[in-house]
Amino acid sequence: MSALLLTLLLAFSLTACGGTPAQDTPDAGTDTSASTPADSDTPTADEPSEPAKDESGNILVAYFSHTGNTEIIANMIAEQTGGDLFYVETTTVYPEEYNDLIAQARQEQDDDARPELASSVEDMDAYDTVFIGYPNWWGTMPMTMFTFLESYDFSGKTVIPFCTHEGSALGSSESDIAELIPDAELLGGLAVRGQTAQNRQDEAREAVTDWLREGGFIE
């Protein structure tokens, strides 16, 4: 009787376990992205950012984002450093259709254009450290970010670039930034693939955390 009961219990246990992967699979993508913000609320994720916020309340995270990938990384940086977020918005809206977008981006680059901005940082003088975020368009920043960098005095500030990309990493953006704001201290940037930012946010967050820790912005 004991052997029969043990066999029945084992069969029931295997049946229950076997249903779990099938149930989780349809929600895997949704669950991964939805759980990422909650992960930042754990003590391990929050502890490094609190000292940074207390000691470095003069951090600005300024970014331009078209599809939302760069915005994801900007939010991660702001969460961990306690920095203020600022979205670099243009007066004209960029096309959603890919071919139209890349054509406009190329034309702006060829024209060395300076797209007009729709908003401005209220008190740039209040910030000593500025993270600059953008997607890589045609090997560098969108021309929107050229406008942004030329709109303020970055003398004596620490500037740290970050970007999202699909293979070109930071491109020539770091050298372009150095030319635009030569009196700022430029630190090494971070490049995150757009697909990683969008679909593997735990991996993106880990890259951001390691980068911030190496730069001394979090413990």
C-alpha atoms as a PDB file:
ATOM      1  CA  MET A   1       0.000   0.000   0.000  1.00  0.00           C
ATOM      2  CA  SER A   2       2.825   2.379   0.870  1.00  0.00           C
ATOM      3  CA  ALA A   3       4.537   1.730  -2.464  1.00  0.00           C
ATOM      4  CA  LEU A   4       1.301   2.377  -4.361  1.00  0.00           C
ATOM      5  CA  LEU A   5       0.669   5.622  -2.469  1.00  0.00           C
ATOM      6  CA  LEU A   6       4.237   6.804  -3.141  1.00  0.00           C
ATOM      7  CA  THR A   7       3.829   6.066  -6.858  1.00  0.00           C
ATOM      8  CA  LEU A   8       0.584   8.047  -7.057  1.00  0.00           C
ATOM      9  CA  LEU A   9       2.106  11.018  -5.236  1.00  0.00           C
ATOM     10  CA  LEU A  10       5.123  11.032  -7.557  1.00  0.00           C
ATOM     11  CA  ALA A  11       2.914  10.944 -10.663  1.00  0.00           C
ATOM     12  CA  PHE A  12       0.834  13.868  -9.381  1.00  0.00           C
ATOM     13  CA  SER A  13       3.977  15.878  -8.611  1.00  0.00           C
ATOM     14  CA  LEU A  14       5.401  15.399 -12.119  1.00  0.00           C
ATOM     15  CA  THR A  15       2.097  16.373 -13.739  1.00  0.00           C
ATOM     16  CA  ALA A  16       1.911  19.599 -11.722  1.00  0.00           C
ATOM     17  CA  CYS A  17       5.507  20.582 -12.504  1.00  0.00           C
ATOM     18  CA  GLY A  18       5.116  19.816 -16.177  1.00  0.00           C
ATOM     19  CA  GLY A  19       2.361  22.411 -16.548  1.00  0.00           C
ATOM     20  CA  THR A  20       4.427  25.335 -15.285  1.00  0.00           C
ATOM     21  CA  PRO A  21       6.600  26.125 -18.341  1.00  0.00           C
ATOM     22  CA  ALA A  22       3.596  25.939 -20.672  1.00  0.00           C
ATOM     23  CA  GLN A  23       1.735  28.422 -18.486  1.00  0.00           C
ATOM     24  CA  ASP A  24       4.665  30.873 -18.189  1.00  0.00           C
ATOM     25  CA  THR A  25       5.785  30.853 -21.828  1.00  0.00           C
ATOM     26  CA  PRO A  26       3.029  33.078 -23.303  1.00  0.00           C
ATOM     27  CA  ASP A  27       3.687  35.759 -20.668  1.00  0.00           C
ATOM     28  CA  ALA A  28       7.493  35.512 -20.685  1.00  0.00           C
ATOM     29  CA  GLY A  29       8.089  38.691 -22.696  1.00  0.00           C
ATOM     30  CA  THR A  30       5.473  40.664 -20.825  1.00  0.00           C
ATOM     31  CA  ASP A  31       6.580  39.413 -17.447  1.00  0.00           C
ATOM     32  CA  THR A  32      10.241  40.206 -18.110  1.00  0.00           C
ATOM     33  CA  SER A  33       9.603  43.837 -18.994  1.00  0.00           C
ATOM     34  CA  ALA A  34       6.931  44.325 -16.372  1.00  0.00           C
ATOM     35  CA  SER A  35       9.070  42.939 -13.582  1.00  0.00           C
ATOM     36  CA  THR A  36      12.088  45.104 -14.354  1.00  0.00           C
ATOM     37  CA  PRO A  37      10.821  48.250 -12.590  1.00  0.00           C
ATOM     38  CA  ALA A  38       9.853  46.146  -9.591  1.00  0.00           C
ATOM     39  CA  ASP A  39      13.370  44.725  -9.480  1.00  0.00           C
ATOM     40  CA  SER A  40      14.700  48.247  -8.907  1.00  0.00           C
ATOM     41  CA  ASP A  41      12.652  48.414  -5.703  1.00  0.00           C
ATOM     42  CA  THR A  42      14.589  45.609  -4.068  1.00  0.00           C
ATOM     43  CA  PRO A  43      17.103  46.632  -1.363  1.00  0.00           C
ATOM     44  CA  THR A  44      20.035  45.448  -3.488  1.00  0.00           C
ATOM     45  CA  ALA A  45      19.095  47.692  -6.412  1.00  0.00           C
ATOM     46  CA  ASP A  46      18.156  50.705  -4.297  1.00  0.00           C
ATOM     47  CA  GLU A  47      21.076  50.800  -1.881  1.00  0.00           C
ATOM     48  CA  PRO A  48      23.702  52.041  -4.406  1.00  0.00           C
ATOM     49  CA  SER A  49      21.476  54.853  -5.695  1.00  0.00           C
ATOM     50  CA  GLU A  50      20.567  56.401  -2.356  1.00  0.00           C
ATOM     51  CA  PRO A  51      24.072  57.665  -1.487  1.00  0.00           C
ATOM     52  CA  ALA A  52      24.448  58.987  -5.023  1.00  0.00           C
ATOM     53  CA  LYS A  53      21.218  60.929  -4.687  1.00  0.00           C
ATOM     54  CA  ASP A  54      22.186  62.413  -1.340  1.00  0.00           C
ATOM     55  CA  GLU A  55      25.720  63.306  -2.339  1.00  0.00           C
ATOM     56  CA  SER A  56      25.158  64.209  -5.993  1.00  0.00           C
ATOM     57  CA  GLY A  57      21.797  65.937  -6.204  1.00  0.00           C
ATOM     58  CA  ASN A  58      23.237  68.098  -8.992  1.00  0.00           C
ATOM     59  CA  ILE A  59      23.039  65.404 -11.682  1.00  0.00           C
ATOM     60  CA  LEU A  60      21.043  65.925 -14.864  1.00  0.00           C
ATOM     61  CA  VAL A  61      20.119  63.139 -17.282  1.00  0.00           C
ATOM     62  CA  ALA A  62      19.258  64.852 -20.574  1.00  0.00           C
ATOM     63  CA  TYR A  63      18.208  62.667 -23.469  1.00  0.00           C
ATOM     64  CA  PHE A  64      16.561  62.540 -26.879  1.00  0.00           C
ATOM     65  CA  SER A  65      14.598  59.401 -27.741  1.00  0.00           C
ATOM     66  CA  HIS A  66      12.566  58.583 -30.833  1.00  0.00           C
ATOM     67  CA  THR A  67      11.379  55.003 -30.308  1.00  0.00           C
ATOM     68  CA  GLY A  68      11.770  54.922 -26.523  1.00  0.00           C
ATOM     69  CA  ASN A  69      14.949  52.836 -26.284  1.00  0.00           C
ATOM     70  CA  THR A  70      17.153  55.687 -25.113  1.00  0.00           C
ATOM     71  CA  GLU A  71      14.453  56.784 -22.691  1.00  0.00           C
ATOM     72  CA  ILE A  72      14.573  53.370 -21.026  1.00  0.00           C
ATOM     73  CA  ILE A  73      18.303  53.722 -20.381  1.00  0.00           C
ATOM     74  CA  ALA A  74      17.889  57.341 -19.250  1.00  0.00           C
ATOM     75  CA  ASN A  75      15.346  56.271 -16.655  1.00  0.00           C
ATOM     76  CA  MET A  76      17.671  53.570 -15.364  1.00  0.00           C
ATOM     77  CA  ILE A  77      20.485  56.090 -14.953  1.00  0.00           C
ATOM     78  CA  ALA A  78      18.229  58.593 -13.189  1.00  0.00           C
ATOM     79  CA  GLU A  79      16.851  55.920 -10.850  1.00  0.00           C
ATOM     80  CA  GLN A  80      20.296  54.806  -9.764  1.00  0.00           C
ATOM     81  CA  THR A  81      21.988  58.197  -9.480  1.00  0.00           C
ATOM     82  CA  GLY A  82      19.066  60.252  -8.226  1.00  0.00           C
ATOM     83  CA  GLY A  83      19.530  62.607 -11.174  1.00  0.00           C
ATOM     84  CA  ASP A  84      16.877  64.836 -12.710  1.00  0.00           C
ATOM     85  CA  LEU A  85      15.460  63.789 -16.083  1.00  0.00           C
ATOM     86  CA  PHE A  86      15.147  66.197 -19.001  1.00  0.00           C
ATOM     87  CA  TYR A  87      13.690  65.196 -22.358  1.00  0.00           C
ATOM     88  CA  VAL A  88      15.212  67.068 -25.300  1.00  0.00           C
ATOM     89  CA  GLU A  89      12.153  67.827 -27.405  1.00  0.00           C
ATOM     90  CA  THR A  90      12.076  69.361 -30.868  1.00  0.00           C
ATOM     91  CA  THR A  91       9.447  71.758 -32.218  1.00  0.00           C
ATOM     92  CA  THR A  92       8.927  69.494 -35.236  1.00  0.00           C
ATOM     93  CA  VAL A  93       8.067  65.817 -34.912  1.00  0.00           C
ATOM     94  CA  TYR A  94      10.314  63.255 -36.590  1.00  0.00           C
ATOM     95  CA  PRO A  95       8.606  60.778 -38.960  1.00  0.00           C
ATOM     96  CA  GLU A  96       7.525  57.423 -37.605  1.00  0.00           C
ATOM     97  CA  GLU A  97       8.105  55.624 -40.928  1.00  0.00           C
ATOM     98  CA  TYR A  98      11.651  54.277 -40.945  1.00  0.00           C
ATOM     99  CA  ASN A  99      12.727  55.281 -44.452  1.00  0.00           C
ATOM    100  CA  ASP A 100      11.385  58.803 -43.977  1.00  0.00           C
ATOM    101  CA  LEU A 101      13.139  59.064 -40.635  1.00  0.00           C
ATOM    102  CA  ILE A 102      16.566  58.003 -41.866  1.00  0.00           C
ATOM    103  CA  ALA A 103      16.227  60.277 -44.875  1.00  0.00           C
ATOM    104  CA  GLN A 104      15.466  63.279 -42.673  1.00  0.00           C
ATOM    105  CA  ALA A 105      18.262  62.378 -40.260  1.00  0.00           C
ATOM    106  CA  ARG A 106      20.731  62.109 -43.147  1.00  0.00           C
ATOM    107  CA  GLN A 107      19.580  65.415 -44.623  1.00  0.00           C
ATOM    108  CA  GLU A 108      19.961  67.194 -41.294  1.00  0.00           C
ATOM    109  CA  GLN A 109      23.470  65.801 -40.952  1.00  0.00           C
ATOM    110  CA  ASP A 110      24.420  66.804 -44.502  1.00  0.00           C
ATOM    111  CA  ASP A 111      23.073  70.311 -43.869  1.00  0.00           C
ATOM    112  CA  ASP A 112      24.794  70.525 -40.470  1.00  0.00           C
ATOM    113  CA  ALA A 113      21.331  71.517 -39.248  1.00  0.00           C
ATOM    114  CA  ARG A 114      20.400  72.647 -35.774  1.00  0.00           C
ATOM    115  CA  PRO A 115      16.794  71.572 -35.167  1.00  0.00           C
ATOM    116  CA  GLU A 116      14.853  73.968 -32.952  1.00  0.00           C
ATOM    117  CA  LEU A 117      14.137  72.774 -29.429  1.00  0.00           C
ATOM    118  CA  ALA A 118      10.729  73.042 -27.799  1.00  0.00           C
ATOM    119  CA  SER A 119      11.954  73.281 -24.203  1.00  0.00           C
ATOM    120  CA  SER A 120      15.008  74.212 -22.178  1.00  0.00           C
ATOM    121  CA  VAL A 121      16.659  73.317 -18.891  1.00  0.00           C
ATOM    122  CA  GLU A 122      15.501  75.887 -16.351  1.00  0.00           C
ATOM    123  CA  ASP A 123      18.777  76.152 -14.430  1.00  0.00           C
ATOM    124  CA  MET A 124      21.682  74.411 -16.128  1.00  0.00           C
ATOM    125  CA  ASP A 125      24.072  76.174 -13.745  1.00  0.00           C
ATOM    126  CA  ALA A 126      22.659  74.039 -10.921  1.00  0.00           C
ATOM    127  CA  TYR A 127      24.136  70.873 -12.426  1.00  0.00           C
ATOM    128  CA  ASP A 128      27.772  69.848 -12.212  1.00  0.00           C
ATOM    129  CA  THR A 129      27.277  66.459 -13.870  1.00  0.00           C
ATOM    130  CA  VAL A 130      25.264  65.921 -17.045  1.00  0.00           C
ATOM    131  CA  PHE A 131      24.523  62.564 -18.672  1.00  0.00           C
ATOM    132  CA  ILE A 132      23.768  63.036 -22.374  1.00  0.00           C
ATOM    133  CA  GLY A 133      21.655  60.341 -24.065  1.00  0.00           C
ATOM    134  CA  TYR A 134      20.665  59.758 -27.685  1.00  0.00           C
ATOM    135  CA  PRO A 135      20.208  57.097 -30.368  1.00  0.00           C
ATOM    136  CA  ASN A 136      23.038  56.624 -32.854  1.00  0.00           C
ATOM    137  CA  TRP A 137      21.887  58.128 -36.160  1.00  0.00           C
ATOM    138  CA  TRP A 138      24.265  57.820 -39.084  1.00  0.00           C
ATOM    139  CA  GLY A 139      27.278  57.205 -36.880  1.00  0.00           C
ATOM    140  CA  THR A 140      26.792  59.971 -34.326  1.00  0.00           C
ATOM    141  CA  MET A 141      24.171  61.873 -32.322  1.00  0.00           C
ATOM    142  CA  PRO A 142      21.019  63.231 -33.935  1.00  0.00           C
ATOM    143  CA  MET A 143      21.543  66.876 -34.875  1.00  0.00           C
ATOM    144  CA  THR A 144      19.013  67.694 -32.171  1.00  0.00           C
ATOM    145  CA  MET A 145      21.711  66.962 -29.610  1.00  0.00           C
ATOM    146  CA  PHE A 146      24.115  69.309 -31.371  1.00  0.00           C
ATOM    147  CA  THR A 147      21.530  72.044 -30.797  1.00  0.00           C
ATOM    148  CA  PHE A 148      21.177  71.048 -27.159  1.00  0.00           C
ATOM    149  CA  LEU A 149      24.901  71.042 -26.421  1.00  0.00           C
ATOM    150  CA  GLU A 150      25.408  74.414 -28.098  1.00  0.00           C
ATOM    151  CA  SER A 151      22.553  75.944 -26.089  1.00  0.00           C
ATOM    152  CA  TYR A 152      24.348  75.885 -22.735  1.00  0.00           C
ATOM    153  CA  ASP A 153      27.684  76.612 -21.134  1.00  0.00           C
ATOM    154  CA  PHE A 154      29.214  73.298 -20.087  1.00  0.00           C
ATOM    155  CA  SER A 155      32.478  74.805 -18.849  1.00  0.00           C
ATOM    156  CA  GLY A 156      33.691  72.946 -15.763  1.00  0.00           C
ATOM    157  CA  LYS A 157      30.897  70.373 -15.924  1.00  0.00           C
ATOM    158  CA  THR A 158      31.376  66.628 -16.137  1.00  0.00           C
ATOM    159  CA  VAL A 159      29.605  65.216 -19.191  1.00  0.00           C
ATOM    160  CA  ILE A 160      28.954  61.516 -19.740  1.00  0.00           C
ATOM    161  CA  PRO A 161      27.385  60.260 -22.985  1.00  0.00           C
ATOM    162  CA  PHE A 162      25.226  57.191 -23.445  1.00  0.00           C
ATOM    163  CA  CYS A 163      23.456  55.890 -26.512  1.00  0.00           C
ATOM    164  CA  THR A 164      21.351  53.123 -27.956  1.00  0.00           C
ATOM    165  CA  HIS A 165      22.374  51.584 -31.262  1.00  0.00           C
ATOM    166  CA  GLU A 166      22.088  48.559 -33.521  1.00  0.00           C
ATOM    167  CA  GLY A 167      25.769  47.908 -34.212  1.00  0.00           C
ATOM    168  CA  SER A 168      27.649  51.208 -34.409  1.00  0.00           C
ATOM    169  CA  ALA A 169      27.950  51.768 -30.649  1.00  0.00           C
ATOM    170  CA  LEU A 170      28.863  55.401 -29.868  1.00  0.00           C
ATOM    171  CA  GLY A 171      30.260  56.006 -33.340  1.00  0.00           C
ATOM    172  CA  SER A 172      31.941  59.414 -33.552  1.00  0.00           C
ATOM    173  CA  SER A 173      29.594  60.987 -31.012  1.00  0.00           C
ATOM    174  CA  GLU A 174      32.181  61.204 -28.239  1.00  0.00           C
ATOM    175  CA  SER A 175      34.615  63.154 -30.410  1.00  0.00           C
ATOM    176  CA  ASP A 176      31.752  65.321 -31.689  1.00  0.00           C
ATOM    177  CA  ILE A 177      30.746  66.137 -28.120  1.00  0.00           C
ATOM    178  CA  ALA A 178      34.347  66.953 -27.246  1.00  0.00           C
ATOM    179  CA  GLU A 179      34.474  69.459 -30.104  1.00  0.00           C
ATOM    180  CA  LEU A 180      31.161  71.058 -29.182  1.00  0.00           C
ATOM    181  CA  ILE A 181      31.928  71.518 -25.478  1.00  0.00           C
ATOM    182  CA  PRO A 182      35.739  71.559 -25.173  1.00  0.00           C
ATOM    183  CA  ASP A 183      35.715  73.095 -21.697  1.00  0.00           C
ATOM    184  CA  ALA A 184      33.774  70.211 -20.154  1.00  0.00           C
ATOM    185  CA  GLU A 185      35.301  67.078 -18.658  1.00  0.00           C
ATOM    186  CA  LEU A 186      34.135  64.227 -20.886  1.00  0.00           C
ATOM    187  CA  LEU A 187      34.008  60.744 -19.378  1.00  0.00           C
ATOM    188  CA  GLY A 188      33.745  57.412 -21.186  1.00  0.00           C
ATOM    189  CA  GLY A 189      30.295  56.657 -22.544  1.00  0.00           C
ATOM    190  CA  LEU A 190      27.959  53.684 -22.541  1.00  0.00           C
ATOM    191  CA  ALA A 191      26.442  52.072 -25.655  1.00  0.00           C
ATOM    192  CA  VAL A 192      23.477  49.709 -25.306  1.00  0.00           C
ATOM    193  CA  ARG A 193      21.842  47.921 -28.214  1.00  0.00           C
ATOM    194  CA  GLY A 194      18.292  49.072 -28.776  1.00  0.00           C
ATOM    195  CA  GLN A 195      16.979  45.502 -28.747  1.00  0.00           C
ATOM    196  CA  THR A 196      18.633  44.950 -25.391  1.00  0.00           C
ATOM    197  CA  ALA A 197      17.061  48.083 -23.923  1.00  0.00           C
ATOM    198  CA  GLN A 198      13.652  47.093 -25.256  1.00  0.00           C
ATOM    199  CA  ASN A 199      13.548  43.336 -24.774  1.00  0.00           C
ATOM    200  CA  ARG A 200      16.239  42.391 -22.243  1.00  0.00           C
ATOM    201  CA  GLN A 201      15.957  45.110 -19.644  1.00  0.00           C
ATOM    202  CA  ASP A 202      17.564  43.051 -16.900  1.00  0.00           C
ATOM    203  CA  GLU A 203      20.680  42.794 -19.067  1.00  0.00           C
ATOM    204  CA  ALA A 204      20.540  46.499 -19.893  1.00  0.00           C
ATOM    205  CA  ARG A 205      20.148  47.414 -16.232  1.00  0.00           C
ATOM    206  CA  GLU A 206      23.163  45.315 -15.308  1.00  0.00           C
ATOM    207  CA  ALA A 207      25.258  47.121 -17.956  1.00  0.00           C
ATOM    208  CA  VAL A 208      24.090  50.504 -16.653  1.00  0.00           C
ATOM    209  CA  THR A 209      24.825  49.536 -13.045  1.00  0.00           C
ATOM    210  CA  ASP A 210      28.338  48.279 -13.837  1.00  0.00           C
ATOM    211  CA  TRP A 211      29.079  51.419 -15.859  1.00  0.00           C
ATOM    212  CA  LEU A 212      27.843  53.770 -13.128  1.00  0.00           C
ATOM    213  CA  ARG A 213      29.780  51.875 -10.501  1.00  0.00           C
ATOM    214  CA  GLU A 214      32.987  52.045 -12.552  1.00  0.00           C
ATOM    215  CA  GLY A 215      32.480  55.802 -12.902  1.00  0.00           C
ATOM    216  CA  GLY A 216      32.053  56.204  -9.143  1.00  0.00           C
ATOM    217  CA  PHE A 217      28.443  57.382  -9.382  1.00  0.00           C
ATOM    218  CA  ILE A 218      27.105  54.547  -7.245  1.00  0.00           C
ATOM    219  CA  GLU A 219      28.727  52.234  -4.732  1.00  0.00           C
END
